[in-house]
Amino acid sequence: MNIKASLDTIILYVHNVENLKSFYSQTFGFSLIDEYGSLWALLEAGQGKIGLHKIGDQYLDKSKSSLKFNNNTKIVFEIHEDIAQVRTHLISQNIAMRDIKTFDDYDFWLCDGEDPEGNVFQLKQKKFLYRPF
């Protein structure tokens, strides 16, 4: 059986729903679709949605003082603006951003960043004839 599906929502389990709701709304212009107090927020993110779900206390490592943690997820946002200018703007907003990179025979420039809780996101811009450095 082949199941035909399309991505609807990515849910991130987070420490502070309000903080990340503000981050993604202000940084990327995502609009709020739904929320439930400090436990849940659902944001419109282009053709998909990002859900922010408060992580349960039983899953928190109370020995760590930082809210940042490692995970194995990266959310990729395709942008149409100049990736170097966007990167510079985000750095000026104290958002951790890595260097712009690409790969041989790949049509996009890439730049990773981190939200306030350490979740990695990637900006992706079509190369065309643009070179960001």
C-alpha atoms as a PDB file:
ATOM      1  CA  MET A   1       0.000   0.000   0.000  1.00  0.00           C
ATOM      2  CA  ASN A   2       1.272   3.477  -0.886  1.00  0.00           C
ATOM      3  CA  ILE A   3      -0.024   6.189   1.390  1.00  0.00           C
ATOM      4  CA  LYS A   4      -0.289   9.558  -0.328  1.00  0.00           C
ATOM      5  CA  ALA A   5       0.374  12.235   2.250  1.00  0.00           C
ATOM      6  CA  SER A   6       1.528  15.808   2.448  1.00  0.00           C
ATOM      7  CA  LEU A   7       3.193  17.548   5.350  1.00  0.00           C
ATOM      8  CA  ASP A   8       0.687  19.506   7.400  1.00  0.00           C
ATOM      9  CA  THR A   9       2.392  20.441  10.676  1.00  0.00           C
ATOM     10  CA  ILE A  10       5.746  20.099  12.409  1.00  0.00           C
ATOM     11  CA  ILE A  11       5.449  20.138  16.202  1.00  0.00           C
ATOM     12  CA  LEU A  12       8.348  21.292  18.355  1.00  0.00           C
ATOM     13  CA  TYR A  13       8.308  20.390  22.040  1.00  0.00           C
ATOM     14  CA  VAL A  14       9.545  23.530  23.783  1.00  0.00           C
ATOM     15  CA  HIS A  15      10.205  24.991  27.209  1.00  0.00           C
ATOM     16  CA  ASN A  16       8.551  28.367  26.607  1.00  0.00           C
ATOM     17  CA  VAL A  17       5.714  28.467  24.063  1.00  0.00           C
ATOM     18  CA  GLU A  18       5.225  32.240  24.350  1.00  0.00           C
ATOM     19  CA  ASN A  19       8.906  32.998  23.745  1.00  0.00           C
ATOM     20  CA  LEU A  20       9.102  30.817  20.618  1.00  0.00           C
ATOM     21  CA  LYS A  21       5.714  32.015  19.360  1.00  0.00           C
ATOM     22  CA  SER A  22       7.085  35.553  19.490  1.00  0.00           C
ATOM     23  CA  PHE A  23      10.374  34.500  17.869  1.00  0.00           C
ATOM     24  CA  TYR A  24       8.798  32.772  14.861  1.00  0.00           C
ATOM     25  CA  SER A  25       6.083  35.426  14.460  1.00  0.00           C
ATOM     26  CA  GLN A  26       8.486  38.370  14.615  1.00  0.00           C
ATOM     27  CA  THR A  27      11.412  36.784  12.764  1.00  0.00           C
ATOM     28  CA  PHE A  28       9.561  35.089   9.911  1.00  0.00           C
ATOM     29  CA  GLY A  29       6.175  36.820   9.960  1.00  0.00           C
ATOM     30  CA  PHE A  30       4.251  33.629  10.742  1.00  0.00           C
ATOM     31  CA  SER A  31       0.699  34.278  11.908  1.00  0.00           C
ATOM     32  CA  LEU A  32      -0.982  32.679  14.895  1.00  0.00           C
ATOM     33  CA  ILE A  33      -3.743  30.207  13.999  1.00  0.00           C
ATOM     34  CA  ASP A  34      -4.526  28.736  17.407  1.00  0.00           C
ATOM     35  CA  GLU A  35      -3.256  28.767  20.963  1.00  0.00           C
ATOM     36  CA  TYR A  36      -4.063  27.278  24.326  1.00  0.00           C
ATOM     37  CA  GLY A  37      -2.547  29.376  27.087  1.00  0.00           C
ATOM     38  CA  SER A  38       1.118  28.674  27.716  1.00  0.00           C
ATOM     39  CA  LEU A  39       0.815  25.058  26.536  1.00  0.00           C
ATOM     40  CA  TRP A  40       0.252  25.298  22.766  1.00  0.00           C
ATOM     41  CA  ALA A  41       0.519  27.627  19.784  1.00  0.00           C
ATOM     42  CA  LEU A  42      -0.030  26.864  16.113  1.00  0.00           C
ATOM     43  CA  LEU A  43       1.557  29.144  13.506  1.00  0.00           C
ATOM     44  CA  GLU A  44       0.870  29.433   9.782  1.00  0.00           C
ATOM     45  CA  ALA A  45       4.230  28.853   8.059  1.00  0.00           C
ATOM     46  CA  GLY A  46       3.693  29.129   4.321  1.00  0.00           C
ATOM     47  CA  GLN A  47       2.158  25.901   3.023  1.00  0.00           C
ATOM     48  CA  GLY A  48       2.562  24.162   6.381  1.00  0.00           C
ATOM     49  CA  LYS A  49       2.219  24.891  10.058  1.00  0.00           C
ATOM     50  CA  ILE A  50       4.525  24.889  13.076  1.00  0.00           C
ATOM     51  CA  GLY A  51       3.083  23.732  16.368  1.00  0.00           C
ATOM     52  CA  LEU A  52       4.767  24.742  19.610  1.00  0.00           C
ATOM     53  CA  HIS A  53       3.883  22.310  22.395  1.00  0.00           C
ATOM     54  CA  LYS A  54       5.017  22.819  25.989  1.00  0.00           C
ATOM     55  CA  ILE A  55       7.301  19.945  26.897  1.00  0.00           C
ATOM     56  CA  GLY A  56       6.139  17.949  29.905  1.00  0.00           C
ATOM     57  CA  ASP A  57       8.077  18.352  33.151  1.00  0.00           C
ATOM     58  CA  GLN A  58       8.815  14.619  33.180  1.00  0.00           C
ATOM     59  CA  TYR A  59      10.968  15.106  30.054  1.00  0.00           C
ATOM     60  CA  LEU A  60      13.018  18.043  31.334  1.00  0.00           C
ATOM     61  CA  ASP A  61      16.565  17.598  32.582  1.00  0.00           C
ATOM     62  CA  LYS A  62      16.439  19.683  35.749  1.00  0.00           C
ATOM     63  CA  SER A  63      20.234  19.474  36.163  1.00  0.00           C
ATOM     64  CA  LYS A  64      20.765  21.765  33.142  1.00  0.00           C
ATOM     65  CA  SER A  65      20.498  25.479  33.758  1.00  0.00           C
ATOM     66  CA  SER A  66      20.251  26.502  30.099  1.00  0.00           C
ATOM     67  CA  LEU A  67      17.029  26.341  28.118  1.00  0.00           C
ATOM     68  CA  LYS A  68      18.935  25.283  25.007  1.00  0.00           C
ATOM     69  CA  PHE A  69      19.127  21.630  24.178  1.00  0.00           C
ATOM     70  CA  ASN A  70      20.258  19.414  21.318  1.00  0.00           C
ATOM     71  CA  ASN A  71      17.819  17.688  19.044  1.00  0.00           C
ATOM     72  CA  ASN A  72      17.997  16.018  15.663  1.00  0.00           C
ATOM     73  CA  THR A  73      15.528  18.223  13.797  1.00  0.00           C
ATOM     74  CA  LYS A  74      16.155  21.064  11.363  1.00  0.00           C
ATOM     75  CA  ILE A  75      13.355  23.156   9.868  1.00  0.00           C
ATOM     76  CA  VAL A  76      14.174  24.602   6.432  1.00  0.00           C
ATOM     77  CA  PHE A  77      12.654  27.897   5.262  1.00  0.00           C
ATOM     78  CA  GLU A  78      13.039  28.870   1.617  1.00  0.00           C
ATOM     79  CA  ILE A  79      13.500  32.630   1.304  1.00  0.00           C
ATOM     80  CA  HIS A  80      13.459  34.909  -1.729  1.00  0.00           C
ATOM     81  CA  GLU A  81      15.426  37.771  -0.173  1.00  0.00           C
ATOM     82  CA  ASP A  82      19.207  38.131  -0.344  1.00  0.00           C
ATOM     83  CA  ILE A  83      20.430  35.455   2.090  1.00  0.00           C
ATOM     84  CA  ALA A  84      23.488  37.487   3.123  1.00  0.00           C
ATOM     85  CA  GLN A  85      21.344  40.492   4.019  1.00  0.00           C
ATOM     86  CA  VAL A  86      18.861  38.301   5.909  1.00  0.00           C
ATOM     87  CA  ARG A  87      21.723  36.657   7.806  1.00  0.00           C
ATOM     88  CA  THR A  88      23.192  40.062   8.718  1.00  0.00           C
ATOM     89  CA  HIS A  89      19.781  41.279   9.885  1.00  0.00           C
ATOM     90  CA  LEU A  90      19.228  38.190  12.055  1.00  0.00           C
ATOM     91  CA  ILE A  91      22.685  38.518  13.612  1.00  0.00           C
ATOM     92  CA  SER A  92      21.854  42.150  14.442  1.00  0.00           C
ATOM     93  CA  GLN A  93      18.805  40.775  16.298  1.00  0.00           C
ATOM     94  CA  ASN A  94      21.132  38.550  18.392  1.00  0.00           C
ATOM     95  CA  ILE A  95      20.051  35.391  16.588  1.00  0.00           C
ATOM     96  CA  ALA A  96      22.828  32.794  16.343  1.00  0.00           C
ATOM     97  CA  MET A  97      23.617  32.263  12.643  1.00  0.00           C
ATOM     98  CA  ARG A  98      26.276  30.148  10.967  1.00  0.00           C
ATOM     99  CA  ASP A  99      28.143  30.902   7.731  1.00  0.00           C
ATOM    100  CA  ILE A 100      26.473  30.747   4.332  1.00  0.00           C
ATOM    101  CA  LYS A 101      27.352  27.565   2.453  1.00  0.00           C
ATOM    102  CA  THR A 102      26.461  25.531  -0.606  1.00  0.00           C
ATOM    103  CA  PHE A 103      27.446  22.281  -2.276  1.00  0.00           C
ATOM    104  CA  ASP A 104      28.766  21.454  -5.740  1.00  0.00           C
ATOM    105  CA  ASP A 105      25.953  21.116  -8.267  1.00  0.00           C
ATOM    106  CA  TYR A 106      23.367  22.322  -5.731  1.00  0.00           C
ATOM    107  CA  ASP A 107      21.080  25.220  -6.722  1.00  0.00           C
ATOM    108  CA  PHE A 108      20.725  26.833  -3.290  1.00  0.00           C
ATOM    109  CA  TRP A 109      22.664  28.891  -0.754  1.00  0.00           C
ATOM    110  CA  LEU A 110      22.137  27.657   2.826  1.00  0.00           C
ATOM    111  CA  CYS A 111      22.546  29.237   6.235  1.00  0.00           C
ATOM    112  CA  ASP A 112      21.721  27.615   9.577  1.00  0.00           C
ATOM    113  CA  GLY A 113      20.544  29.471  12.656  1.00  0.00           C
ATOM    114  CA  GLU A 114      19.129  28.700  16.098  1.00  0.00           C
ATOM    115  CA  ASP A 115      15.932  29.792  17.774  1.00  0.00           C
ATOM    116  CA  PRO A 116      16.066  30.856  21.455  1.00  0.00           C
ATOM    117  CA  GLU A 117      15.835  27.239  22.651  1.00  0.00           C
ATOM    118  CA  GLY A 118      18.524  25.909  20.321  1.00  0.00           C
ATOM    119  CA  ASN A 119      16.254  24.409  17.660  1.00  0.00           C
ATOM    120  CA  VAL A 120      18.104  24.605  14.335  1.00  0.00           C
ATOM    121  CA  PHE A 121      16.493  26.252  11.339  1.00  0.00           C
ATOM    122  CA  GLN A 122      17.946  26.706   7.891  1.00  0.00           C
ATOM    123  CA  LEU A 123      17.476  29.478   5.375  1.00  0.00           C
ATOM    124  CA  LYS A 124      17.559  28.323   1.767  1.00  0.00           C
ATOM    125  CA  GLN A 125      17.823  30.706  -1.206  1.00  0.00           C
ATOM    126  CA  LYS A 126      17.848  29.797  -4.899  1.00  0.00           C
ATOM    127  CA  LYS A 127      21.239  30.693  -6.397  1.00  0.00           C
ATOM    128  CA  PHE A 128      20.275  32.153  -9.767  1.00  0.00           C
ATOM    129  CA  LEU A 129      23.276  34.380 -10.514  1.00  0.00           C
ATOM    130  CA  TYR A 130      23.607  35.648  -6.948  1.00  0.00           C
ATOM    131  CA  ARG A 131      26.726  35.019  -4.884  1.00  0.00           C
ATOM    132  CA  PRO A 132      26.451  36.198  -1.230  1.00  0.00           C
ATOM    133  CA  PHE A 133      30.174  36.860  -0.695  1.00  0.00           C
END
